[in-house]
Amino acid sequence: MRSIVELETFISIGEKAENMAKDSFSDCESESYQTAFVAHFKSLLRANSYDFTSEFLTEMADDFNSAKEEDVKYSIGPFFEFGYITQFLKFLPDELEDALAVRKISHGGARKGAGRPTKRPTKQIRIDSDLAESFKLMSDYYQSLDDEGRRDFDNRFSTSGLLFPNG
């Protein structure tokens, strides 16, 4: 399977070559259009610095030479190269979609039991900055208590009025 970079590069180059050829020739079935498409495609590949682009050109040349030996019609005009490139480009969007689907499945995502274990529910509140240190100390003390100590702590402050003596 080709890499995502390879697939995106070939698709992009194919689209650029097609647009460049269409700018010059409106009849996409003409030999002139096919020649222009092949020339633009090959020049865009050569301008690219990736190894896989030069490997593609080498493979295409080898296949072209083999086909020429089997049938003379391949040596006339852009017939072989145009067909070779268009057949190659035809299936790349599906390959890219498959590659992206595999990439999504294999990385990341939520997993049951992942993350920091929860202790007790918390609530975020706003307090005056002058009181922050006192509340932090009280919270740390409360967290250090066992269940019985927490119940005692809750009862002392909620019923005795220690926190709010005037009301």
N, C-alpha and C. Protein backbone atom coordinates (compact mmCIF):
# COMPACT_ATOMS: atom_id res chain seq x y z
N MET A 1 0.85 -1.18 0.00
CA MET A 1 0.00 0.00 0.00
C MET A 1 0.89 1.24 0.00
N ARG A 2 0.50 2.20 -0.78
CA ARG A 2 1.26 3.46 -0.86
C ARG A 2 0.98 4.31 0.38
N SER A 3 1.93 5.18 0.71
CA SER A 3 1.74 6.07 1.85
C SER A 3 0.76 7.18 1.49
N ILE A 4 0.24 7.83 2.51
CA ILE A 4 -0.70 8.92 2.30
C ILE A 4 -0.03 10.06 1.53
N VAL A 5 1.23 10.32 1.82
CA VAL A 5 1.96 11.38 1.10
C VAL A 5 2.06 11.04 -0.39
N GLU A 6 2.38 9.79 -0.70
CA GLU A 6 2.46 9.37 -2.10
C GLU A 6 1.12 9.55 -2.80
N LEU A 7 0.06 9.05 -2.17
CA LEU A 7 -1.27 9.13 -2.78
C LEU A 7 -1.68 10.57 -3.01
N GLU A 8 -1.52 11.41 -2.00
CA GLU A 8 -1.89 12.83 -2.15
C GLU A 8 -1.05 13.52 -3.22
N THR A 9 0.24 13.17 -3.30
CA THR A 9 1.12 13.78 -4.30
C THR A 9 0.68 13.39 -5.70
N PHE A 10 0.46 12.11 -5.95
CA PHE A 10 0.05 11.66 -7.28
C PHE A 10 -1.30 12.24 -7.68
N ILE A 11 -2.25 12.28 -6.75
CA ILE A 11 -3.57 12.84 -7.06
C ILE A 11 -3.43 14.32 -7.41
N SER A 12 -2.67 15.05 -6.63
CA SER A 12 -2.47 16.48 -6.88
C SER A 12 -1.80 16.73 -8.24
N ILE A 13 -0.77 15.96 -8.53
CA ILE A 13 -0.06 16.13 -9.81
C ILE A 13 -0.99 15.77 -10.97
N GLY A 14 -1.79 14.72 -10.81
CA GLY A 14 -2.74 14.34 -11.85
C GLY A 14 -3.74 15.44 -12.13
N GLU A 15 -4.26 16.06 -11.07
CA GLU A 15 -5.22 17.15 -11.23
C GLU A 15 -4.58 18.36 -11.89
N LYS A 16 -3.36 18.69 -11.49
CA LYS A 16 -2.66 19.83 -12.10
C LYS A 16 -2.39 19.58 -13.57
N ALA A 17 -1.92 18.38 -13.91
CA ALA A 17 -1.63 18.04 -15.31
C ALA A 17 -2.90 18.10 -16.15
N GLU A 18 -4.00 17.61 -15.60
CA GLU A 18 -5.28 17.64 -16.31
C GLU A 18 -5.71 19.08 -16.57
N ASN A 19 -5.62 19.94 -15.56
CA ASN A 19 -6.01 21.35 -15.74
C ASN A 19 -5.11 22.06 -16.75
N MET A 20 -3.82 21.77 -16.69
CA MET A 20 -2.89 22.40 -17.63
C MET A 20 -3.18 21.96 -19.07
N ALA A 21 -3.48 20.68 -19.26
CA ALA A 21 -3.79 20.18 -20.60
C ALA A 21 -5.12 20.74 -21.09
N LYS A 22 -6.11 20.87 -20.19
CA LYS A 22 -7.42 21.41 -20.57
C LYS A 22 -7.32 22.88 -20.95
N ASP A 23 -6.37 23.60 -20.34
CA ASP A 23 -6.18 25.01 -20.69
C ASP A 23 -5.77 25.15 -22.15
N SER A 24 -5.03 24.18 -22.66
CA SER A 24 -4.53 24.24 -24.03
C SER A 24 -5.46 23.57 -25.04
N PHE A 25 -6.11 22.49 -24.61
CA PHE A 25 -6.93 21.71 -25.54
C PHE A 25 -8.26 21.37 -24.90
N SER A 26 -9.35 21.79 -25.54
CA SER A 26 -10.66 21.56 -24.97
C SER A 26 -11.17 20.13 -25.21
N ASP A 27 -10.70 19.48 -26.28
CA ASP A 27 -11.13 18.12 -26.59
C ASP A 27 -10.27 17.11 -25.85
N CYS A 28 -10.82 16.56 -24.77
CA CYS A 28 -10.05 15.65 -23.91
C CYS A 28 -9.77 14.30 -24.58
N GLU A 29 -10.41 14.05 -25.72
CA GLU A 29 -10.19 12.78 -26.42
C GLU A 29 -9.11 12.91 -27.50
N SER A 30 -8.70 14.14 -27.76
CA SER A 30 -7.74 14.35 -28.86
C SER A 30 -6.34 13.89 -28.47
N GLU A 31 -5.58 13.57 -29.47
CA GLU A 31 -4.20 13.15 -29.26
C GLU A 31 -3.37 14.30 -28.71
N SER A 32 -3.70 15.52 -29.11
CA SER A 32 -2.98 16.70 -28.62
C SER A 32 -3.17 16.88 -27.11
N TYR A 33 -4.41 16.69 -26.65
CA TYR A 33 -4.70 16.78 -25.22
C TYR A 33 -3.92 15.71 -24.47
N GLN A 34 -3.97 14.47 -24.98
CA GLN A 34 -3.29 13.36 -24.33
C GLN A 34 -1.78 13.60 -24.25
N THR A 35 -1.21 14.12 -25.34
CA THR A 35 0.22 14.42 -25.36
C THR A 35 0.55 15.49 -24.32
N ALA A 36 -0.28 16.55 -24.27
CA ALA A 36 -0.05 17.63 -23.31
C ALA A 36 -0.19 17.10 -21.87
N PHE A 37 -1.20 16.29 -21.62
CA PHE A 37 -1.40 15.73 -20.29
C PHE A 37 -0.18 14.92 -19.87
N VAL A 38 0.28 14.03 -20.72
CA VAL A 38 1.44 13.18 -20.40
C VAL A 38 2.67 14.04 -20.14
N ALA A 39 2.90 15.04 -20.99
CA ALA A 39 4.07 15.92 -20.83
C ALA A 39 4.00 16.69 -19.51
N HIS A 40 2.83 17.24 -19.19
CA HIS A 40 2.68 17.98 -17.93
C HIS A 40 2.84 17.06 -16.72
N PHE A 41 2.24 15.88 -16.81
CA PHE A 41 2.32 14.94 -15.69
C PHE A 41 3.77 14.55 -15.43
N LYS A 42 4.48 14.21 -16.49
CA LYS A 42 5.88 13.78 -16.32
C LYS A 42 6.76 14.93 -15.82
N SER A 43 6.54 16.13 -16.33
CA SER A 43 7.37 17.27 -15.89
C SER A 43 7.09 17.62 -14.43
N LEU A 44 5.81 17.53 -14.01
CA LEU A 44 5.47 17.79 -12.60
C LEU A 44 6.08 16.72 -11.69
N LEU A 45 6.11 15.47 -12.15
CA LEU A 45 6.74 14.41 -11.36
C LEU A 45 8.24 14.65 -11.24
N ARG A 46 8.86 15.03 -12.35
CA ARG A 46 10.31 15.26 -12.32
C ARG A 46 10.68 16.44 -11.42
N ALA A 47 9.80 17.42 -11.32
CA ALA A 47 10.06 18.59 -10.48
C ALA A 47 9.91 18.26 -9.00
N ASN A 48 9.32 17.12 -8.70
CA ASN A 48 9.09 16.70 -7.33
C ASN A 48 10.33 16.00 -6.80
N SER A 49 10.64 16.20 -5.54
CA SER A 49 11.88 15.65 -4.99
C SER A 49 11.73 14.28 -4.34
N TYR A 50 10.53 13.73 -4.33
CA TYR A 50 10.32 12.42 -3.70
C TYR A 50 10.89 11.29 -4.56
N ASP A 51 11.44 10.27 -3.91
CA ASP A 51 11.98 9.11 -4.63
C ASP A 51 10.89 8.35 -5.36
N PHE A 52 9.71 8.27 -4.77
CA PHE A 52 8.65 7.46 -5.37
C PHE A 52 8.18 8.02 -6.72
N THR A 53 8.37 9.32 -6.97
CA THR A 53 7.96 9.87 -8.26
C THR A 53 8.91 9.41 -9.37
N SER A 54 10.20 9.40 -9.08
CA SER A 54 11.15 8.92 -10.10
C SER A 54 11.01 7.41 -10.30
N GLU A 55 10.68 6.69 -9.23
CA GLU A 55 10.45 5.24 -9.36
C GLU A 55 9.25 4.97 -10.26
N PHE A 56 8.20 5.79 -10.13
CA PHE A 56 7.03 5.63 -10.98
C PHE A 56 7.39 5.83 -12.45
N LEU A 57 8.15 6.89 -12.73
CA LEU A 57 8.55 7.16 -14.12
C LEU A 57 9.39 6.02 -14.69
N THR A 58 10.27 5.46 -13.88
CA THR A 58 11.10 4.34 -14.31
C THR A 58 10.24 3.12 -14.61
N GLU A 59 9.29 2.81 -13.71
CA GLU A 59 8.38 1.68 -13.93
C GLU A 59 7.58 1.88 -15.20
N MET A 60 7.08 3.09 -15.41
CA MET A 60 6.28 3.36 -16.60
C MET A 60 7.12 3.19 -17.86
N ALA A 61 8.36 3.66 -17.86
CA ALA A 61 9.24 3.52 -19.03
C ALA A 61 9.53 2.04 -19.30
N ASP A 62 9.78 1.27 -18.25
CA ASP A 62 10.02 -0.17 -18.44
C ASP A 62 8.80 -0.86 -19.01
N ASP A 63 7.62 -0.55 -18.47
CA ASP A 63 6.39 -1.15 -18.98
C ASP A 63 6.12 -0.72 -20.41
N PHE A 64 6.42 0.55 -20.72
CA PHE A 64 6.24 1.07 -22.07
C PHE A 64 7.13 0.32 -23.06
N ASN A 65 8.38 0.13 -22.70
CA ASN A 65 9.30 -0.59 -23.60
C ASN A 65 8.87 -2.04 -23.81
N SER A 66 8.38 -2.68 -22.78
CA SER A 66 7.88 -4.05 -22.91
C SER A 66 6.65 -4.10 -23.80
N ALA A 67 5.75 -3.13 -23.63
CA ALA A 67 4.54 -3.10 -24.44
C ALA A 67 4.85 -2.80 -25.90
N LYS A 68 5.84 -1.97 -26.16
CA LYS A 68 6.25 -1.65 -27.54
C LYS A 68 6.71 -2.89 -28.27
N GLU A 69 7.41 -3.75 -27.55
CA GLU A 69 7.91 -4.98 -28.17
C GLU A 69 6.75 -5.91 -28.52
N GLU A 70 5.69 -5.90 -27.72
CA GLU A 70 4.55 -6.78 -27.97
C GLU A 70 3.62 -6.24 -29.05
N ASP A 71 3.43 -4.93 -29.10
CA ASP A 71 2.48 -4.35 -30.04
C ASP A 71 3.00 -2.99 -30.51
N VAL A 72 3.10 -2.84 -31.80
CA VAL A 72 3.67 -1.62 -32.40
C VAL A 72 2.83 -0.38 -32.13
N LYS A 73 1.49 -0.56 -31.93
CA LYS A 73 0.63 0.62 -31.74
C LYS A 73 1.03 1.45 -30.52
N TYR A 74 1.71 0.82 -29.54
CA TYR A 74 2.12 1.55 -28.34
C TYR A 74 3.25 2.53 -28.62
N SER A 75 3.95 2.34 -29.70
CA SER A 75 5.06 3.26 -30.00
C SER A 75 4.59 4.49 -30.76
N ILE A 76 3.31 4.53 -31.11
CA ILE A 76 2.77 5.65 -31.87
C ILE A 76 1.94 6.55 -30.96
N GLY A 77 2.34 7.80 -30.80
CA GLY A 77 1.59 8.77 -30.02
C GLY A 77 1.59 8.47 -28.52
N PRO A 78 0.74 9.21 -27.80
CA PRO A 78 0.73 9.12 -26.34
C PRO A 78 -0.19 8.01 -25.81
N PHE A 79 -0.64 7.14 -26.72
CA PHE A 79 -1.66 6.15 -26.35
C PHE A 79 -1.30 5.37 -25.09
N PHE A 80 -0.13 4.78 -25.05
CA PHE A 80 0.26 3.93 -23.92
C PHE A 80 0.43 4.74 -22.64
N GLU A 81 1.23 5.80 -22.70
CA GLU A 81 1.52 6.57 -21.48
C GLU A 81 0.26 7.21 -20.91
N PHE A 82 -0.60 7.74 -21.78
CA PHE A 82 -1.84 8.36 -21.31
C PHE A 82 -2.71 7.31 -20.62
N GLY A 83 -2.88 6.16 -21.24
CA GLY A 83 -3.68 5.09 -20.65
C GLY A 83 -3.07 4.59 -19.34
N TYR A 84 -1.76 4.47 -19.32
CA TYR A 84 -1.05 3.99 -18.13
C TYR A 84 -1.28 4.94 -16.96
N ILE A 85 -1.10 6.22 -17.21
CA ILE A 85 -1.24 7.22 -16.15
C ILE A 85 -2.69 7.33 -15.69
N THR A 86 -3.63 7.39 -16.64
CA THR A 86 -5.03 7.54 -16.24
C THR A 86 -5.53 6.32 -15.48
N GLN A 87 -5.11 5.13 -15.85
CA GLN A 87 -5.50 3.92 -15.11
C GLN A 87 -4.89 3.95 -13.71
N PHE A 88 -3.66 4.40 -13.63
CA PHE A 88 -2.99 4.51 -12.33
C PHE A 88 -3.73 5.50 -11.43
N LEU A 89 -4.08 6.67 -11.97
CA LEU A 89 -4.73 7.72 -11.18
C LEU A 89 -6.17 7.36 -10.81
N LYS A 90 -6.79 6.51 -11.60
CA LYS A 90 -8.20 6.18 -11.42
C LYS A 90 -8.51 5.62 -10.02
N PHE A 91 -7.63 4.81 -9.49
CA PHE A 91 -7.90 4.12 -8.23
C PHE A 91 -7.28 4.80 -7.01
N LEU A 92 -6.53 5.87 -7.22
CA LEU A 92 -5.85 6.52 -6.10
C LEU A 92 -6.79 7.13 -5.06
N PRO A 93 -7.90 7.78 -5.45
CA PRO A 93 -8.80 8.32 -4.42
C PRO A 93 -9.33 7.23 -3.47
N ASP A 94 -9.66 6.06 -4.01
CA ASP A 94 -10.12 4.96 -3.15
C ASP A 94 -9.00 4.48 -2.23
N GLU A 95 -7.79 4.38 -2.77
CA GLU A 95 -6.64 3.98 -1.95
C GLU A 95 -6.41 4.98 -0.82
N LEU A 96 -6.52 6.28 -1.16
CA LEU A 96 -6.32 7.33 -0.16
C LEU A 96 -7.38 7.23 0.93
N GLU A 97 -8.62 7.02 0.53
CA GLU A 97 -9.71 6.88 1.51
C GLU A 97 -9.45 5.70 2.44
N ASP A 98 -9.01 4.57 1.88
CA ASP A 98 -8.70 3.39 2.69
C ASP A 98 -7.54 3.68 3.65
N ALA A 99 -6.51 4.35 3.14
CA ALA A 99 -5.34 4.66 3.98
C ALA A 99 -5.72 5.58 5.13
N LEU A 100 -6.57 6.55 4.86
CA LEU A 100 -7.00 7.46 5.92
C LEU A 100 -7.88 6.74 6.93
N ALA A 101 -8.70 5.80 6.49
CA ALA A 101 -9.55 5.03 7.41
C ALA A 101 -8.69 4.17 8.33
N VAL A 102 -7.66 3.54 7.78
CA VAL A 102 -6.76 2.72 8.59
C VAL A 102 -6.04 3.59 9.60
N ARG A 103 -5.62 4.77 9.17
CA ARG A 103 -4.90 5.69 10.06
C ARG A 103 -5.78 6.12 11.22
N LYS A 104 -7.07 6.37 10.95
CA LYS A 104 -7.99 6.78 12.02
C LYS A 104 -8.17 5.67 13.04
N ILE A 105 -8.31 4.44 12.55
CA ILE A 105 -8.57 3.31 13.43
C ILE A 105 -7.39 3.02 14.34
N SER A 106 -6.19 3.17 13.81
CA SER A 106 -5.02 2.69 14.52
C SER A 106 -4.43 3.67 15.54
N HIS A 107 -4.94 4.87 15.62
CA HIS A 107 -4.33 5.83 16.54
C HIS A 107 -5.37 6.57 17.36
N GLY A 108 -5.08 6.71 18.65
CA GLY A 108 -5.84 7.60 19.51
C GLY A 108 -7.25 7.14 19.81
N GLY A 109 -8.03 8.05 20.30
CA GLY A 109 -9.41 7.77 20.63
C GLY A 109 -9.60 7.45 22.11
N ALA A 110 -10.83 7.60 22.55
CA ALA A 110 -11.15 7.33 23.95
C ALA A 110 -11.16 5.83 24.21
N ARG A 111 -10.66 5.45 25.38
CA ARG A 111 -10.66 4.05 25.78
C ARG A 111 -11.22 3.95 27.18
N LYS A 112 -12.02 2.92 27.41
CA LYS A 112 -12.62 2.73 28.73
C LYS A 112 -11.51 2.51 29.76
N GLY A 113 -11.60 3.21 30.87
CA GLY A 113 -10.62 3.05 31.94
C GLY A 113 -9.35 3.87 31.76
N ALA A 114 -9.26 4.62 30.66
CA ALA A 114 -8.06 5.43 30.44
C ALA A 114 -8.15 6.72 31.22
N GLY A 115 -7.02 7.29 31.52
CA GLY A 115 -6.99 8.57 32.22
C GLY A 115 -6.76 8.42 33.70
N ARG A 116 -6.73 9.55 34.37
CA ARG A 116 -6.48 9.59 35.82
C ARG A 116 -7.70 9.04 36.56
N PRO A 117 -7.47 8.15 37.53
CA PRO A 117 -8.62 7.63 38.29
C PRO A 117 -9.26 8.74 39.12
N THR A 118 -10.59 8.70 39.19
CA THR A 118 -11.30 9.72 39.95
C THR A 118 -11.29 9.37 41.43
N LYS A 119 -11.25 10.41 42.26
CA LYS A 119 -11.29 10.21 43.71
C LYS A 119 -12.70 10.51 44.17
N ARG A 120 -12.96 11.74 44.41
CA ARG A 120 -14.29 12.19 44.81
C ARG A 120 -14.69 13.31 43.87
N PRO A 121 -15.99 13.51 43.70
CA PRO A 121 -16.41 14.62 42.83
C PRO A 121 -15.90 15.96 43.38
N THR A 122 -15.55 16.85 42.48
CA THR A 122 -15.09 18.17 42.88
C THR A 122 -15.97 19.23 42.24
N LYS A 123 -15.85 20.44 42.73
CA LYS A 123 -16.59 21.55 42.18
C LYS A 123 -15.67 22.76 42.16
N GLN A 124 -15.66 23.44 41.04
CA GLN A 124 -14.82 24.63 40.91
C GLN A 124 -15.62 25.84 41.37
N ILE A 125 -15.02 26.64 42.25
CA ILE A 125 -15.69 27.84 42.75
C ILE A 125 -14.72 29.01 42.68
N ARG A 126 -15.28 30.21 42.73
CA ARG A 126 -14.45 31.42 42.75
C ARG A 126 -14.46 31.98 44.17
N ILE A 127 -13.28 32.30 44.66
CA ILE A 127 -13.15 32.88 45.99
C ILE A 127 -12.18 34.05 45.91
N ASP A 128 -12.21 34.91 46.91
CA ASP A 128 -11.25 36.01 46.95
C ASP A 128 -9.85 35.42 47.03
N SER A 129 -8.92 36.05 46.37
CA SER A 129 -7.55 35.53 46.35
C SER A 129 -6.92 35.53 47.75
N ASP A 130 -7.38 36.41 48.62
CA ASP A 130 -6.87 36.43 50.00
C ASP A 130 -7.20 35.13 50.74
N LEU A 131 -8.30 34.48 50.37
CA LEU A 131 -8.74 33.26 51.06
C LEU A 131 -8.21 31.98 50.41
N ALA A 132 -7.58 32.09 49.26
CA ALA A 132 -7.17 30.90 48.49
C ALA A 132 -6.28 29.97 49.29
N GLU A 133 -5.28 30.49 49.95
CA GLU A 133 -4.34 29.64 50.70
C GLU A 133 -5.05 28.93 51.85
N SER A 134 -5.93 29.64 52.54
CA SER A 134 -6.67 29.04 53.65
C SER A 134 -7.57 27.89 53.16
N PHE A 135 -8.26 28.13 52.06
CA PHE A 135 -9.13 27.08 51.51
C PHE A 135 -8.33 25.89 51.01
N LYS A 136 -7.15 26.15 50.44
CA LYS A 136 -6.29 25.06 49.98
C LYS A 136 -5.84 24.20 51.15
N LEU A 137 -5.43 24.84 52.25
CA LEU A 137 -5.02 24.10 53.45
C LEU A 137 -6.18 23.28 54.01
N MET A 138 -7.37 23.89 54.03
CA MET A 138 -8.53 23.18 54.55
C MET A 138 -8.88 21.99 53.63
N SER A 139 -8.79 22.18 52.33
CA SER A 139 -9.07 21.10 51.38
C SER A 139 -8.07 19.96 51.52
N ASP A 140 -6.78 20.30 51.64
CA ASP A 140 -5.75 19.27 51.83
C ASP A 140 -6.01 18.48 53.12
N TYR A 141 -6.36 19.20 54.18
CA TYR A 141 -6.65 18.54 55.46
C TYR A 141 -7.84 17.60 55.30
N TYR A 142 -8.90 18.09 54.64
CA TYR A 142 -10.12 17.29 54.44
C TYR A 142 -9.81 16.03 53.64
N GLN A 143 -8.98 16.14 52.60
CA GLN A 143 -8.63 14.98 51.77
C GLN A 143 -7.81 13.96 52.55
N SER A 144 -7.08 14.40 53.55
CA SER A 144 -6.26 13.48 54.33
C SER A 144 -7.07 12.66 55.35
N LEU A 145 -8.33 13.08 55.59
CA LEU A 145 -9.18 12.39 56.58
C LEU A 145 -9.79 11.12 55.99
N ASP A 146 -10.11 10.16 56.87
CA ASP A 146 -10.87 8.98 56.44
C ASP A 146 -12.35 9.35 56.42
N ASP A 147 -13.23 8.42 56.08
CA ASP A 147 -14.66 8.72 55.96
C ASP A 147 -15.27 9.23 57.26
N GLU A 148 -14.90 8.62 58.37
CA GLU A 148 -15.43 9.05 59.68
C GLU A 148 -14.96 10.47 60.00
N GLY A 149 -13.71 10.76 59.76
CA GLY A 149 -13.17 12.09 60.00
C GLY A 149 -13.84 13.14 59.15
N ARG A 150 -14.17 12.79 57.89
CA ARG A 150 -14.86 13.74 57.00
C ARG A 150 -16.27 14.03 57.50
N ARG A 151 -16.97 12.99 57.97
CA ARG A 151 -18.31 13.21 58.52
C ARG A 151 -18.25 14.14 59.74
N ASP A 152 -17.26 13.91 60.59
CA ASP A 152 -17.08 14.76 61.77
C ASP A 152 -16.78 16.20 61.36
N PHE A 153 -15.91 16.36 60.38
CA PHE A 153 -15.55 17.68 59.85
C PHE A 153 -16.79 18.39 59.33
N ASP A 154 -17.58 17.69 58.51
CA ASP A 154 -18.81 18.26 57.93
C ASP A 154 -19.78 18.69 59.03
N ASN A 155 -19.96 17.83 60.05
CA ASN A 155 -20.90 18.14 61.14
C ASN A 155 -20.45 19.35 61.94
N ARG A 156 -19.16 19.44 62.22
CA ARG A 156 -18.66 20.56 63.03
C ARG A 156 -18.88 21.89 62.32
N PHE A 157 -18.65 21.95 61.03
CA PHE A 157 -18.76 23.23 60.33
C PHE A 157 -20.17 23.56 59.90
N SER A 158 -20.99 22.59 59.67
CA SER A 158 -22.34 22.89 59.20
C SER A 158 -23.30 23.22 60.35
N THR A 159 -23.05 22.69 61.57
CA THR A 159 -24.01 22.91 62.68
C THR A 159 -23.50 23.86 63.75
N SER A 160 -22.21 24.01 63.89
CA SER A 160 -21.71 24.78 65.03
C SER A 160 -21.58 26.25 64.75
N GLY A 161 -21.62 26.65 63.48
CA GLY A 161 -21.47 28.05 63.18
C GLY A 161 -20.05 28.55 63.31
N LEU A 162 -19.07 27.64 63.28
CA LEU A 162 -17.67 28.07 63.40
C LEU A 162 -17.24 28.97 62.24
N LEU A 163 -17.75 28.65 61.07
CA LEU A 163 -17.35 29.45 59.91
C LEU A 163 -18.08 30.78 59.86
N PHE A 164 -19.34 30.80 60.27
CA PHE A 164 -20.15 32.01 60.18
C PHE A 164 -20.77 32.31 61.55
N PRO A 165 -20.01 32.85 62.47
CA PRO A 165 -20.52 33.06 63.83
C PRO A 165 -21.66 34.07 63.92
N ASN A 166 -21.78 34.99 62.99
CA ASN A 166 -22.83 36.03 63.11
C ASN A 166 -24.08 35.71 62.30
N GLY A 167 -24.20 34.55 61.80
CA GLY A 167 -25.42 34.40 61.08
C GLY A 167 -25.61 33.21 60.31
